[in-house]
Amino acid sequence: MGNTISISDANKYLLRIKTAVSNGKYRFVQRRKNLKSLARAGLLPVHVKDYIMQLSYLDYFNGPEPEKDNRYPDGEYMFFGCEINQLKFFIKIKLEMRNNEDYCMCISFHIAESTIYYKYRE
């Protein structure tokens, strides 16, 4: 990972993500790692949406990265982090275009396995 975008562009991606979530164009991938991390933080999958809606450019640390696996629809991955109940979470969100509308898929929402280096935090 090594992409960095401006604060303005990070905010534009966040607006697209939050609009998709608000419009019901959203899916949380309930992988085992995600579910275990949520349980450890005392959360349920339904809470993920709320944390996504609270993200800001300060939570951004990488992306966009294009989809590289041709088994999946084209889209771009954005990477964020946040702290929940004193646990640091890694968040990977994919934006896809479907019928000329943004669709958001939260692929990863789990306890970070390594240090997250935020681009716009001091």
PDB file of N, CA and C in Angstrom:
ATOM      1  N   MET A   1       0.846  -1.178   0.000  1.00  0.00           N
ATOM      2  CA  MET A   1       0.000   0.000   0.000  1.00  0.00           C
ATOM      3  C   MET A   1       0.885   1.232   0.000  1.00  0.00           C
ATOM      4  N   GLY A   2       0.533   2.165  -0.851  1.00  0.00           N
ATOM      5  CA  GLY A   2       1.360   3.344  -0.891  1.00  0.00           C
ATOM      6  C   GLY A   2       0.698   4.531  -1.553  1.00  0.00           C
ATOM      7  N   ASN A   3      -0.566   4.423  -1.915  1.00  0.00           N
ATOM      8  CA  ASN A   3      -1.261   5.545  -2.537  1.00  0.00           C
ATOM      9  C   ASN A   3      -1.645   6.577  -1.487  1.00  0.00           C
ATOM     10  N   THR A   4      -1.570   7.835  -1.871  1.00  0.00           N
ATOM     11  CA  THR A   4      -2.047   8.912  -1.009  1.00  0.00           C
ATOM     12  C   THR A   4      -2.788   9.909  -1.875  1.00  0.00           C
ATOM     13  N   ILE A   5      -3.930  10.346  -1.387  1.00  0.00           N
ATOM     14  CA  ILE A   5      -4.685  11.365  -2.094  1.00  0.00           C
ATOM     15  C   ILE A   5      -4.809  12.588  -1.190  1.00  0.00           C
ATOM     16  N   SER A   6      -5.258  13.677  -1.759  1.00  0.00           N
ATOM     17  CA  SER A   6      -5.404  14.917  -0.996  1.00  0.00           C
ATOM     18  C   SER A   6      -6.574  14.810  -0.013  1.00  0.00           C
ATOM     19  N   ILE A   7      -6.600  15.723   0.939  1.00  0.00           N
ATOM     20  CA  ILE A   7      -7.717  15.789   1.883  1.00  0.00           C
ATOM     21  C   ILE A   7      -9.017  15.991   1.115  1.00  0.00           C
ATOM     22  N   SER A   8      -8.998  16.854   0.120  1.00  0.00           N
ATOM     23  CA  SER A   8     -10.186  17.120  -0.692  1.00  0.00           C
ATOM     24  C   SER A   8     -10.693  15.848  -1.371  1.00  0.00           C
ATOM     25  N   ASP A   9      -9.773  15.080  -1.965  1.00  0.00           N
ATOM     26  CA  ASP A   9     -10.172  13.838  -2.626  1.00  0.00           C
ATOM     27  C   ASP A   9     -10.639  12.793  -1.610  1.00  0.00           C
ATOM     28  N   ALA A  10      -9.989  12.725  -0.461  1.00  0.00           N
ATOM     29  CA  ALA A  10     -10.439  11.799   0.584  1.00  0.00           C
ATOM     30  C   ALA A  10     -11.868  12.141   0.994  1.00  0.00           C
ATOM     31  N   ASN A  11     -12.155  13.424   1.133  1.00  0.00           N
ATOM     32  CA  ASN A  11     -13.514  13.850   1.481  1.00  0.00           C
ATOM     33  C   ASN A  11     -14.514  13.506   0.381  1.00  0.00           C
ATOM     34  N   LYS A  12     -14.085  13.611  -0.879  1.00  0.00           N
ATOM     35  CA  LYS A  12     -14.976  13.248  -1.997  1.00  0.00           C
ATOM     36  C   LYS A  12     -15.313  11.756  -1.959  1.00  0.00           C
ATOM     37  N   TYR A  13     -14.308  10.917  -1.693  1.00  0.00           N
ATOM     38  CA  TYR A  13     -14.573   9.482  -1.580  1.00  0.00           C
ATOM     39  C   TYR A  13     -15.490   9.196  -0.391  1.00  0.00           C
ATOM     40  N   LEU A  14     -15.238   9.858   0.717  1.00  0.00           N
ATOM     41  CA  LEU A  14     -16.096   9.647   1.888  1.00  0.00           C
ATOM     42  C   LEU A  14     -17.533  10.057   1.605  1.00  0.00           C
ATOM     43  N   LEU A  15     -17.731  11.137   0.867  1.00  0.00           N
ATOM     44  CA  LEU A  15     -19.076  11.559   0.503  1.00  0.00           C
ATOM     45  C   LEU A  15     -19.752  10.489  -0.352  1.00  0.00           C
ATOM     46  N   ARG A  16     -19.021   9.945  -1.300  1.00  0.00           N
ATOM     47  CA  ARG A  16     -19.574   8.877  -2.152  1.00  0.00           C
ATOM     48  C   ARG A  16     -19.930   7.652  -1.314  1.00  0.00           C
ATOM     49  N   ILE A  17     -19.035   7.277  -0.402  1.00  0.00           N
ATOM     50  CA  ILE A  17     -19.271   6.116   0.457  1.00  0.00           C
ATOM     51  C   ILE A  17     -20.499   6.349   1.332  1.00  0.00           C
ATOM     52  N   LYS A  18     -20.558   7.490   1.982  1.00  0.00           N
ATOM     53  CA  LYS A  18     -21.659   7.782   2.904  1.00  0.00           C
ATOM     54  C   LYS A  18     -22.992   7.934   2.173  1.00  0.00           C
ATOM     55  N   THR A  19     -22.960   8.477   0.962  1.00  0.00           N
ATOM     56  CA  THR A  19     -24.186   8.589   0.167  1.00  0.00           C
ATOM     57  C   THR A  19     -24.696   7.198  -0.198  1.00  0.00           C
ATOM     58  N   ALA A  20     -23.791   6.324  -0.621  1.00  0.00           N
ATOM     59  CA  ALA A  20     -24.187   4.956  -0.958  1.00  0.00           C
ATOM     60  C   ALA A  20     -24.792   4.247   0.257  1.00  0.00           C
ATOM     61  N   VAL A  21     -24.137   4.383   1.403  1.00  0.00           N
ATOM     62  CA  VAL A  21     -24.647   3.754   2.630  1.00  0.00           C
ATOM     63  C   VAL A  21     -26.028   4.315   2.964  1.00  0.00           C
ATOM     64  N   SER A  22     -26.183   5.634   2.906  1.00  0.00           N
ATOM     65  CA  SER A  22     -27.463   6.287   3.219  1.00  0.00           C
ATOM     66  C   SER A  22     -28.574   5.838   2.279  1.00  0.00           C
ATOM     67  N   ASN A  23     -28.207   5.546   1.023  1.00  0.00           N
ATOM     68  CA  ASN A  23     -29.189   5.128   0.020  1.00  0.00           C
ATOM     69  C   ASN A  23     -29.430   3.620   0.004  1.00  0.00           C
ATOM     70  N   GLY A  24     -28.864   2.916   0.971  1.00  0.00           N
ATOM     71  CA  GLY A  24     -29.063   1.468   1.031  1.00  0.00           C
ATOM     72  C   GLY A  24     -28.226   0.690   0.035  1.00  0.00           C
ATOM     73  N   LYS A  25     -27.275   1.338  -0.594  1.00  0.00           N
ATOM     74  CA  LYS A  25     -26.388   0.690  -1.571  1.00  0.00           C
ATOM     75  C   LYS A  25     -25.123   0.265  -0.836  1.00  0.00           C
ATOM     76  N   TYR A  26     -25.283  -0.688   0.064  1.00  0.00           N
ATOM     77  CA  TYR A  26     -24.227  -1.024   1.010  1.00  0.00           C
ATOM     78  C   TYR A  26     -24.343  -2.488   1.416  1.00  0.00           C
ATOM     79  N   ARG A  27     -23.179  -3.104   1.610  1.00  0.00           N
ATOM     80  CA  ARG A  27     -23.146  -4.464   2.137  1.00  0.00           C
ATOM     81  C   ARG A  27     -21.910  -4.618   3.017  1.00  0.00           C
ATOM     82  N   PHE A  28     -22.100  -5.266   4.146  1.00  0.00           N
ATOM     83  CA  PHE A  28     -20.994  -5.594   5.042  1.00  0.00           C
ATOM     84  C   PHE A  28     -20.684  -7.071   4.858  1.00  0.00           C
ATOM     85  N   VAL A  29     -19.450  -7.384   4.511  1.00  0.00           N
ATOM     86  CA  VAL A  29     -19.034  -8.769   4.305  1.00  0.00           C
ATOM     87  C   VAL A  29     -18.740  -9.378   5.673  1.00  0.00           C
ATOM     88  N   GLN A  30     -19.545 -10.357   6.063  1.00  0.00           N
ATOM     89  CA  GLN A  30     -19.450 -10.930   7.401  1.00  0.00           C
ATOM     90  C   GLN A  30     -18.446 -12.085   7.448  1.00  0.00           C
ATOM     91  N   ARG A  31     -17.187 -11.731   7.191  1.00  0.00           N
ATOM     92  CA  ARG A  31     -16.104 -12.707   7.313  1.00  0.00           C
ATOM     93  C   ARG A  31     -15.864 -13.018   8.780  1.00  0.00           C
ATOM     94  N   ARG A  32     -15.317 -14.178   9.046  1.00  0.00           N
ATOM     95  CA  ARG A  32     -15.062 -14.611  10.418  1.00  0.00           C
ATOM     96  C   ARG A  32     -14.211 -13.591  11.185  1.00  0.00           C
ATOM     97  N   LYS A  33     -13.146 -13.097  10.546  1.00  0.00           N
ATOM     98  CA  LYS A  33     -12.247 -12.131  11.194  1.00  0.00           C
ATOM     99  C   LYS A  33     -13.016 -10.870  11.590  1.00  0.00           C
ATOM    100  N   ASN A  34     -13.891 -10.389  10.698  1.00  0.00           N
ATOM    101  CA  ASN A  34     -14.699  -9.210  10.998  1.00  0.00           C
ATOM    102  C   ASN A  34     -15.621  -9.459  12.187  1.00  0.00           C
ATOM    103  N   LEU A  35     -16.310 -10.596  12.167  1.00  0.00           N
ATOM    104  CA  LEU A  35     -17.278 -10.900  13.221  1.00  0.00           C
ATOM    105  C   LEU A  35     -16.611 -11.106  14.583  1.00  0.00           C
ATOM    106  N   LYS A  36     -15.459 -11.761  14.583  1.00  0.00           N
ATOM    107  CA  LYS A  36     -14.725 -11.959  15.848  1.00  0.00           C
ATOM    108  C   LYS A  36     -14.273 -10.624  16.428  1.00  0.00           C
ATOM    109  N   SER A  37     -13.786  -9.732  15.572  1.00  0.00           N
ATOM    110  CA  SER A  37     -13.331  -8.417  16.032  1.00  0.00           C
ATOM    111  C   SER A  37     -14.489  -7.595  16.578  1.00  0.00           C
ATOM    112  N   LEU A  38     -15.627  -7.633  15.884  1.00  0.00           N
ATOM    113  CA  LEU A  38     -16.797  -6.917  16.374  1.00  0.00           C
ATOM    114  C   LEU A  38     -17.210  -7.434  17.747  1.00  0.00           C
ATOM    115  N   ALA A  39     -17.249  -8.753  17.900  1.00  0.00           N
ATOM    116  CA  ALA A  39     -17.635  -9.340  19.183  1.00  0.00           C
ATOM    117  C   ALA A  39     -16.672  -8.912  20.285  1.00  0.00           C
ATOM    118  N   ARG A  40     -15.389  -8.890  19.975  1.00  0.00           N
ATOM    119  CA  ARG A  40     -14.393  -8.486  20.971  1.00  0.00           C
ATOM    120  C   ARG A  40     -14.595  -7.033  21.411  1.00  0.00           C
ATOM    121  N   ALA A  41     -15.085  -6.197  20.492  1.00  0.00           N
ATOM    122  CA  ALA A  41     -15.337  -4.784  20.809  1.00  0.00           C
ATOM    123  C   ALA A  41     -16.738  -4.573  21.380  1.00  0.00           C
ATOM    124  N   GLY A  42     -17.516  -5.654  21.495  1.00  0.00           N
ATOM    125  CA  GLY A  42     -18.869  -5.535  22.030  1.00  0.00           C
ATOM    126  C   GLY A  42     -19.865  -4.971  21.029  1.00  0.00           C
ATOM    127  N   LEU A  43     -19.621  -5.208  19.741  1.00  0.00           N
ATOM    128  CA  LEU A  43     -20.467  -4.664  18.680  1.00  0.00           C
ATOM    129  C   LEU A  43     -21.122  -5.774  17.874  1.00  0.00           C
ATOM    130  N   LEU A  44     -22.132  -5.384  17.108  1.00  0.00           N
ATOM    131  CA  LEU A  44     -22.813  -6.275  16.173  1.00  0.00           C
ATOM    132  C   LEU A  44     -22.587  -5.753  14.752  1.00  0.00           C
ATOM    133  N   PRO A  45     -22.792  -6.596  13.731  1.00  0.00           N
ATOM    134  CA  PRO A  45     -22.612  -6.132  12.352  1.00  0.00           C
ATOM    135  C   PRO A  45     -23.431  -4.883  12.017  1.00  0.00           C
ATOM    136  N   VAL A  46     -24.587  -4.719  12.606  1.00  0.00           N
ATOM    137  CA  VAL A  46     -25.426  -3.550  12.328  1.00  0.00           C
ATOM    138  C   VAL A  46     -24.739  -2.248  12.747  1.00  0.00           C
ATOM    139  N   HIS A  47     -23.786  -2.300  13.668  1.00  0.00           N
ATOM    140  CA  HIS A  47     -23.084  -1.104  14.121  1.00  0.00           C
ATOM    141  C   HIS A  47     -22.040  -0.600  13.115  1.00  0.00           C
ATOM    142  N   VAL A  48     -21.604  -1.450  12.204  1.00  0.00           N
ATOM    143  CA  VAL A  48     -20.558  -1.080  11.245  1.00  0.00           C
ATOM    144  C   VAL A  48     -20.972   0.147  10.436  1.00  0.00           C
ATOM    145  N   LYS A  49     -22.223   0.165  10.010  1.00  0.00           N
ATOM    146  CA  LYS A  49     -22.740   1.287   9.221  1.00  0.00           C
ATOM    147  C   LYS A  49     -22.552   2.609   9.959  1.00  0.00           C
ATOM    148  N   ASP A  50     -22.834   2.614  11.249  1.00  0.00           N
ATOM    149  CA  ASP A  50     -22.691   3.837  12.045  1.00  0.00           C
ATOM    150  C   ASP A  50     -21.240   4.315  12.072  1.00  0.00           C
ATOM    151  N   TYR A  51     -20.308   3.387  12.215  1.00  0.00           N
ATOM    152  CA  TYR A  51     -18.892   3.776  12.239  1.00  0.00           C
ATOM    153  C   TYR A  51     -18.431   4.271  10.872  1.00  0.00           C
ATOM    154  N   ILE A  52     -18.928   3.681   9.805  1.00  0.00           N
ATOM    155  CA  ILE A  52     -18.588   4.173   8.465  1.00  0.00           C
ATOM    156  C   ILE A  52     -19.092   5.606   8.291  1.00  0.00           C
ATOM    157  N   MET A  53     -20.290   5.865   8.771  1.00  0.00           N
ATOM    158  CA  MET A  53     -20.879   7.209   8.630  1.00  0.00           C
ATOM    159  C   MET A  53     -20.126   8.257   9.452  1.00  0.00           C
ATOM    160  N   GLN A  54     -19.349   7.818  10.437  1.00  0.00           N
ATOM    161  CA  GLN A  54     -18.580   8.742  11.269  1.00  0.00           C
ATOM    162  C   GLN A  54     -17.158   8.982  10.764  1.00  0.00           C
ATOM    163  N   LEU A  55     -16.735   8.252   9.735  1.00  0.00           N
ATOM    164  CA  LEU A  55     -15.367   8.397   9.233  1.00  0.00           C
ATOM    165  C   LEU A  55     -15.123   9.806   8.699  1.00  0.00           C
ATOM    166  N   SER A  56     -13.887  10.273   8.864  1.00  0.00           N
ATOM    167  CA  SER A  56     -13.479  11.555   8.289  1.00  0.00           C
ATOM    168  C   SER A  56     -12.148  11.358   7.571  1.00  0.00           C
ATOM    169  N   TYR A  57     -11.693  12.412   6.911  1.00  0.00           N
ATOM    170  CA  TYR A  57     -10.409  12.320   6.215  1.00  0.00           C
ATOM    171  C   TYR A  57      -9.272  11.985   7.188  1.00  0.00           C
ATOM    172  N   LEU A  58      -9.449  12.311   8.466  1.00  0.00           N
ATOM    173  CA  LEU A  58      -8.414  11.988   9.458  1.00  0.00           C
ATOM    174  C   LEU A  58      -8.266  10.469   9.642  1.00  0.00           C
ATOM    175  N   ASP A  59      -9.304   9.717   9.301  1.00  0.00           N
ATOM    176  CA  ASP A  59      -9.291   8.254   9.441  1.00  0.00           C
ATOM    177  C   ASP A  59      -8.731   7.563   8.198  1.00  0.00           C
ATOM    178  N   TYR A  60      -8.551   8.319   7.118  1.00  0.00           N
ATOM    179  CA  TYR A  60      -8.022   7.790   5.859  1.00  0.00           C
ATOM    180  C   TYR A  60      -6.531   7.493   6.001  1.00  0.00           C
ATOM    181  N   PHE A  61      -6.086   6.366   5.420  1.00  0.00           N
ATOM    182  CA  PHE A  61      -4.641   6.146   5.368  1.00  0.00           C
ATOM    183  C   PHE A  61      -4.125   5.616   4.044  1.00  0.00           C
ATOM    184  N   ASN A  62      -5.001   5.156   3.139  1.00  0.00           N
ATOM    185  CA  ASN A  62      -4.495   4.695   1.847  1.00  0.00           C
ATOM    186  C   ASN A  62      -5.633   4.527   0.846  1.00  0.00           C
ATOM    187  N   GLY A  63      -5.246   4.547  -0.432  1.00  0.00           N
ATOM    188  CA  GLY A  63      -6.197   4.317  -1.494  1.00  0.00           C
ATOM    189  C   GLY A  63      -6.393   5.584  -2.309  1.00  0.00           C
ATOM    190  N   PRO A  64      -7.069   5.494  -3.408  1.00  0.00           N
ATOM    191  CA  PRO A  64      -7.761   4.303  -3.899  1.00  0.00           C
ATOM    192  C   PRO A  64      -6.808   3.322  -4.581  1.00  0.00           C
ATOM    193  N   GLU A  65      -7.189   2.063  -4.499  1.00  0.00           N
ATOM    194  CA  GLU A  65      -6.493   0.998  -5.218  1.00  0.00           C
ATOM    195  C   GLU A  65      -7.519   0.284  -6.077  1.00  0.00           C
ATOM    196  N   PRO A  66      -7.215   0.061  -7.359  1.00  0.00           N
ATOM    197  CA  PRO A  66      -8.186  -0.601  -8.242  1.00  0.00           C
ATOM    198  C   PRO A  66      -8.320  -2.088  -7.927  1.00  0.00           C
ATOM    199  N   GLU A  67      -9.472  -2.629  -8.255  1.00  0.00           N
ATOM    200  CA  GLU A  67      -9.693  -4.081  -8.154  1.00  0.00           C
ATOM    201  C   GLU A  67      -8.747  -4.762  -9.130  1.00  0.00           C
ATOM    202  N   LYS A  68      -8.016  -5.749  -8.643  1.00  0.00           N
ATOM    203  CA  LYS A  68      -7.044  -6.443  -9.490  1.00  0.00           C
ATOM    204  C   LYS A  68      -7.496  -7.845  -9.874  1.00  0.00           C
ATOM    205  N   ASP A  69      -8.486  -8.367  -9.176  1.00  0.00           N
ATOM    206  CA  ASP A  69      -8.962  -9.728  -9.404  1.00  0.00           C
ATOM    207  C   ASP A  69     -10.138  -9.683 -10.376  1.00  0.00           C
ATOM    208  N   ASN A  70      -9.952 -10.273 -11.573  1.00  0.00           N
ATOM    209  CA  ASN A  70     -11.004 -10.199 -12.589  1.00  0.00           C
ATOM    210  C   ASN A  70     -12.228 -11.056 -12.262  1.00  0.00           C
ATOM    211  N   ARG A  71     -12.198 -11.774 -11.140  1.00  0.00           N
ATOM    212  CA  ARG A  71     -13.387 -12.524 -10.706  1.00  0.00           C
ATOM    213  C   ARG A  71     -14.420 -11.599 -10.054  1.00  0.00           C
ATOM    214  N   TYR A  72     -14.002 -10.381  -9.719  1.00  0.00           N
ATOM    215  CA  TYR A  72     -14.870  -9.437  -9.026  1.00  0.00           C
ATOM    216  C   TYR A  72     -15.119  -8.214  -9.894  1.00  0.00           C
ATOM    217  N   PRO A  73     -16.241  -7.525  -9.656  1.00  0.00           N
ATOM    218  CA  PRO A  73     -16.522  -6.301 -10.435  1.00  0.00           C
ATOM    219  C   PRO A  73     -15.453  -5.236 -10.220  1.00  0.00           C
ATOM    220  N   ASP A  74     -15.256  -4.410 -11.242  1.00  0.00           N
ATOM    221  CA  ASP A  74     -14.328  -3.283 -11.126  1.00  0.00           C
ATOM    222  C   ASP A  74     -14.760  -2.383  -9.981  1.00  0.00           C
ATOM    223  N   GLY A  75     -13.803  -1.743  -9.389  1.00  0.00           N
ATOM    224  CA  GLY A  75     -14.074  -0.808  -8.304  1.00  0.00           C
ATOM    225  C   GLY A  75     -12.771  -0.336  -7.709  1.00  0.00           C
ATOM    226  N   GLU A  76     -12.886   0.473  -6.675  1.00  0.00           N
ATOM    227  CA  GLU A  76     -11.709   1.016  -6.004  1.00  0.00           C
ATOM    228  C   GLU A  76     -11.815   0.773  -4.510  1.00  0.00           C
ATOM    229  N   TYR A  77     -10.689   0.401  -3.931  1.00  0.00           N
ATOM    230  CA  TYR A  77     -10.609   0.160  -2.493  1.00  0.00           C
ATOM    231  C   TYR A  77     -10.055   1.396  -1.789  1.00  0.00           C
ATOM    232  N   MET A  78     -10.678   1.724  -0.671  1.00  0.00           N
ATOM    233  CA  MET A  78     -10.216   2.809   0.196  1.00  0.00           C
ATOM    234  C   MET A  78      -9.949   2.197   1.570  1.00  0.00           C
ATOM    235  N   PHE A  79      -8.939   2.724   2.263  1.00  0.00           N
ATOM    236  CA  PHE A  79      -8.527   2.164   3.545  1.00  0.00           C
ATOM    237  C   PHE A  79      -8.601   3.229   4.638  1.00  0.00           C
ATOM    238  N   PHE A  80      -9.225   2.850   5.736  1.00  0.00           N
ATOM    239  CA  PHE A  80      -9.419   3.740   6.875  1.00  0.00           C
ATOM    240  C   PHE A  80      -9.116   2.981   8.152  1.00  0.00           C
ATOM    241  N   GLY A  81      -9.047   3.706   9.229  1.00  0.00           N
ATOM    242  CA  GLY A  81      -8.890   3.102  10.542  1.00  0.00           C
ATOM    243  C   GLY A  81      -9.666   3.914  11.549  1.00  0.00           C
ATOM    244  N   CYS A  82      -9.984   3.294  12.663  1.00  0.00           N
ATOM    245  CA  CYS A  82     -10.643   4.022  13.755  1.00  0.00           C
ATOM    246  C   CYS A  82     -10.411   3.247  15.046  1.00  0.00           C
ATOM    247  N   GLU A  83     -10.681   3.908  16.134  1.00  0.00           N
ATOM    248  CA  GLU A  83     -10.556   3.260  17.433  1.00  0.00           C
ATOM    249  C   GLU A  83     -11.947   3.055  18.015  1.00  0.00           C
ATOM    250  N   ILE A  84     -12.197   1.833  18.460  1.00  0.00           N
ATOM    251  CA  ILE A  84     -13.485   1.483  19.053  1.00  0.00           C
ATOM    252  C   ILE A  84     -13.208   0.730  20.350  1.00  0.00           C
ATOM    253  N   ASN A  85     -13.694   1.262  21.433  1.00  0.00           N
ATOM    254  CA  ASN A  85     -13.516   0.619  22.742  1.00  0.00           C
ATOM    255  C   ASN A  85     -12.051   0.240  22.990  1.00  0.00           C
ATOM    256  N   GLN A  86     -11.177   1.177  22.709  1.00  0.00           N
ATOM    257  CA  GLN A  86      -9.735   1.060  22.912  1.00  0.00           C
ATOM    258  C   GLN A  86      -9.068   0.010  22.034  1.00  0.00           C
ATOM    259  N   LEU A  87      -9.739  -0.387  20.951  1.00  0.00           N
ATOM    260  CA  LEU A  87      -9.171  -1.302  19.968  1.00  0.00           C
ATOM    261  C   LEU A  87      -9.052  -0.566  18.639  1.00  0.00           C
ATOM    262  N   LYS A  88      -7.926  -0.734  17.969  1.00  0.00           N
ATOM    263  CA  LYS A  88      -7.701  -0.076  16.678  1.00  0.00           C
ATOM    264  C   LYS A  88      -8.215  -0.980  15.556  1.00  0.00           C
ATOM    265  N   PHE A  89      -9.106  -0.418  14.735  1.00  0.00           N
ATOM    266  CA  PHE A  89      -9.734  -1.178  13.660  1.00  0.00           C
ATOM    267  C   PHE A  89      -9.203  -0.764  12.292  1.00  0.00           C
ATOM    268  N   PHE A  90      -9.056  -1.748  11.426  1.00  0.00           N
ATOM    269  CA  PHE A  90      -8.687  -1.602  10.026  1.00  0.00           C
ATOM    270  C   PHE A  90      -9.979  -1.709   9.218  1.00  0.00           C
ATOM    271  N   ILE A  91     -10.202  -0.752   8.313  1.00  0.00           N
ATOM    272  CA  ILE A  91     -11.431  -0.730   7.524  1.00  0.00           C
ATOM    273  C   ILE A  91     -11.066  -0.657   6.046  1.00  0.00           C
ATOM    274  N   LYS A  92     -11.582  -1.603   5.278  1.00  0.00           N
ATOM    275  CA  LYS A  92     -11.352  -1.642   3.830  1.00  0.00           C
ATOM    276  C   LYS A  92     -12.713  -1.598   3.148  1.00  0.00           C
ATOM    277  N   ILE A  93     -12.911  -0.545   2.357  1.00  0.00           N
ATOM    278  CA  ILE A  93     -14.194  -0.330   1.700  1.00  0.00           C
ATOM    279  C   ILE A  93     -13.978  -0.297   0.192  1.00  0.00           C
ATOM    280  N   LYS A  94     -14.825  -1.005  -0.520  1.00  0.00           N
ATOM    281  CA  LYS A  94     -14.761  -0.996  -1.984  1.00  0.00           C
ATOM    282  C   LYS A  94     -15.946  -0.203  -2.526  1.00  0.00           C
ATOM    283  N   LEU A  95     -15.647   0.705  -3.448  1.00  0.00           N
ATOM    284  CA  LEU A  95     -16.686   1.446  -4.168  1.00  0.00           C
ATOM    285  C   LEU A  95     -16.799   0.861  -5.571  1.00  0.00           C
ATOM    286  N   GLU A  96     -18.006   0.474  -5.945  1.00  0.00           N
ATOM    287  CA  GLU A  96     -18.277  -0.038  -7.286  1.00  0.00           C
ATOM    288  C   GLU A  96     -19.370   0.817  -7.912  1.00  0.00           C
ATOM    289  N   MET A  97     -19.375   0.875  -9.229  1.00  0.00           N
ATOM    290  CA  MET A  97     -20.480   1.521  -9.945  1.00  0.00           C
ATOM    291  C   MET A  97     -21.432   0.426 -10.410  1.00  0.00           C
ATOM    292  N   ARG A  98     -22.707   0.562 -10.031  1.00  0.00           N
ATOM    293  CA  ARG A  98     -23.744  -0.368 -10.472  1.00  0.00           C
ATOM    294  C   ARG A  98     -24.915   0.473 -10.976  1.00  0.00           C
ATOM    295  N   ASN A  99     -25.282   0.277 -12.209  1.00  0.00           N
ATOM    296  CA  ASN A  99     -26.384   1.047 -12.804  1.00  0.00           C
ATOM    297  C   ASN A  99     -26.178   2.546 -12.608  1.00  0.00           C
ATOM    298  N   ASN A 100     -24.949   2.999 -12.841  1.00  0.00           N
ATOM    299  CA  ASN A 100     -24.576   4.416 -12.715  1.00  0.00           C
ATOM    300  C   ASN A 100     -24.740   4.975 -11.308  1.00  0.00           C
ATOM    301  N   GLU A 101     -24.699   4.114 -10.310  1.00  0.00           N
ATOM    302  CA  GLU A 101     -24.758   4.553  -8.915  1.00  0.00           C
ATOM    303  C   GLU A 101     -23.624   3.897  -8.145  1.00  0.00           C
ATOM    304  N   ASP A 102     -23.109   4.632  -7.157  1.00  0.00           N
ATOM    305  CA  ASP A 102     -22.080   4.057  -6.287  1.00  0.00           C
ATOM    306  C   ASP A 102     -22.700   3.001  -5.395  1.00  0.00           C
ATOM    307  N   TYR A 103     -21.966   1.918  -5.211  1.00  0.00           N
ATOM    308  CA  TYR A 103     -22.341   0.851  -4.300  1.00  0.00           C
ATOM    309  C   TYR A 103     -21.133   0.615  -3.398  1.00  0.00           C
ATOM    310  N   CYS A 104     -21.358   0.507  -2.122  1.00  0.00           N
ATOM    311  CA  CYS A 104     -20.284   0.407  -1.138  1.00  0.00           C
ATOM    312  C   CYS A 104     -20.288  -0.977  -0.514  1.00  0.00           C
ATOM    313  N   MET A 105     -19.127  -1.600  -0.497  1.00  0.00           N
ATOM    314  CA  MET A 105     -18.970  -2.883   0.170  1.00  0.00           C
ATOM    315  C   MET A 105     -17.875  -2.768   1.216  1.00  0.00           C
ATOM    316  N   CYS A 106     -18.222  -3.022   2.464  1.00  0.00           N
ATOM    317  CA  CYS A 106     -17.230  -3.025   3.539  1.00  0.00           C
ATOM    318  C   CYS A 106     -16.678  -4.434   3.628  1.00  0.00           C
ATOM    319  N   ILE A 107     -15.478  -4.615   3.125  1.00  0.00           N
ATOM    320  CA  ILE A 107     -14.861  -5.928   3.026  1.00  0.00           C
ATOM    321  C   ILE A 107     -14.152  -6.297   4.324  1.00  0.00           C
ATOM    322  N   SER A 108     -13.491  -5.321   4.930  1.00  0.00           N
ATOM    323  CA  SER A 108     -12.756  -5.562   6.177  1.00  0.00           C
ATOM    324  C   SER A 108     -13.161  -4.540   7.217  1.00  0.00           C
ATOM    325  N   PHE A 109     -13.464  -5.031   8.388  1.00  0.00           N
ATOM    326  CA  PHE A 109     -13.746  -4.190   9.545  1.00  0.00           C
ATOM    327  C   PHE A 109     -13.323  -5.034  10.738  1.00  0.00           C
ATOM    328  N   HIS A 110     -12.013  -5.013  10.981  1.00  0.00           N
ATOM    329  CA  HIS A 110     -11.482  -5.890  12.024  1.00  0.00           C
ATOM    330  C   HIS A 110     -10.337  -5.209  12.763  1.00  0.00           C
ATOM    331  N   ILE A 111      -9.966  -5.794  13.860  1.00  0.00           N
ATOM    332  CA  ILE A 111      -8.862  -5.260  14.646  1.00  0.00           C
ATOM    333  C   ILE A 111      -7.605  -5.276  13.775  1.00  0.00           C
ATOM    334  N   ALA A 112      -6.919  -4.149  13.758  1.00  0.00           N
ATOM    335  CA  ALA A 112      -5.727  -3.997  12.914  1.00  0.00           C
ATOM    336  C   ALA A 112      -4.651  -4.994  13.325  1.00  0.00           C
ATOM    337  N   GLU A 113      -4.013  -5.577  12.330  1.00  0.00           N
ATOM    338  CA  GLU A 113      -2.955  -6.559  12.573  1.00  0.00           C
ATOM    339  C   GLU A 113      -1.580  -5.915  12.559  1.00  0.00           C
ATOM    340  N   SER A 114      -1.520  -4.657  12.146  1.00  0.00           N
ATOM    341  CA  SER A 114      -0.260  -3.912  12.168  1.00  0.00           C
ATOM    342  C   SER A 114      -0.596  -2.440  12.400  1.00  0.00           C
ATOM    343  N   THR A 115       0.433  -1.651  12.590  1.00  0.00           N
ATOM    344  CA  THR A 115       0.243  -0.230  12.849  1.00  0.00           C
ATOM    345  C   THR A 115      -0.312   0.465  11.614  1.00  0.00           C
ATOM    346  N   ILE A 116      -1.288   1.330  11.835  1.00  0.00           N
ATOM    347  CA  ILE A 116      -1.857   2.136  10.760  1.00  0.00           C
ATOM    348  C   ILE A 116      -1.192   3.507  10.822  1.00  0.00           C
ATOM    349  N   TYR A 117      -0.651   3.937   9.699  1.00  0.00           N
ATOM    350  CA  TYR A 117      -0.017   5.248   9.605  1.00  0.00           C
ATOM    351  C   TYR A 117      -0.954   6.187   8.848  1.00  0.00           C
ATOM    352  N   TYR A 118      -1.642   7.010   9.601  1.00  0.00           N
ATOM    353  CA  TYR A 118      -2.600   7.942   9.029  1.00  0.00           C
ATOM    354  C   TYR A 118      -1.875   9.068   8.308  1.00  0.00           C
ATOM    355  N   LYS A 119      -2.401   9.482   7.173  1.00  0.00           N
ATOM    356  CA  LYS A 119      -1.750  10.517   6.370  1.00  0.00           C
ATOM    357  C   LYS A 119      -1.962  11.926   6.912  1.00  0.00           C
ATOM    358  N   TYR A 120      -3.105  12.159   7.557  1.00  0.00           N
ATOM    359  CA  TYR A 120      -3.446  13.532   7.913  1.00  0.00           C
ATOM    360  C   TYR A 120      -3.625  13.751   9.414  1.00  0.00           C
ATOM    361  N   ARG A 121      -3.086  12.862  10.216  1.00  0.00           N
ATOM    362  CA  ARG A 121      -3.072  13.067  11.663  1.00  0.00           C
ATOM    363  C   ARG A 121      -1.655  13.413  12.080  1.00  0.00           C
ATOM    364  N   GLU A 122      -1.533  14.227  13.085  1.00  0.00           N
ATOM    365  CA  GLU A 122      -0.187  14.580  13.570  1.00  0.00           C
ATOM    366  C   GLU A 122       0.181  13.755  14.760  1.00  0.00           C
TER     367      GLU A 122
END
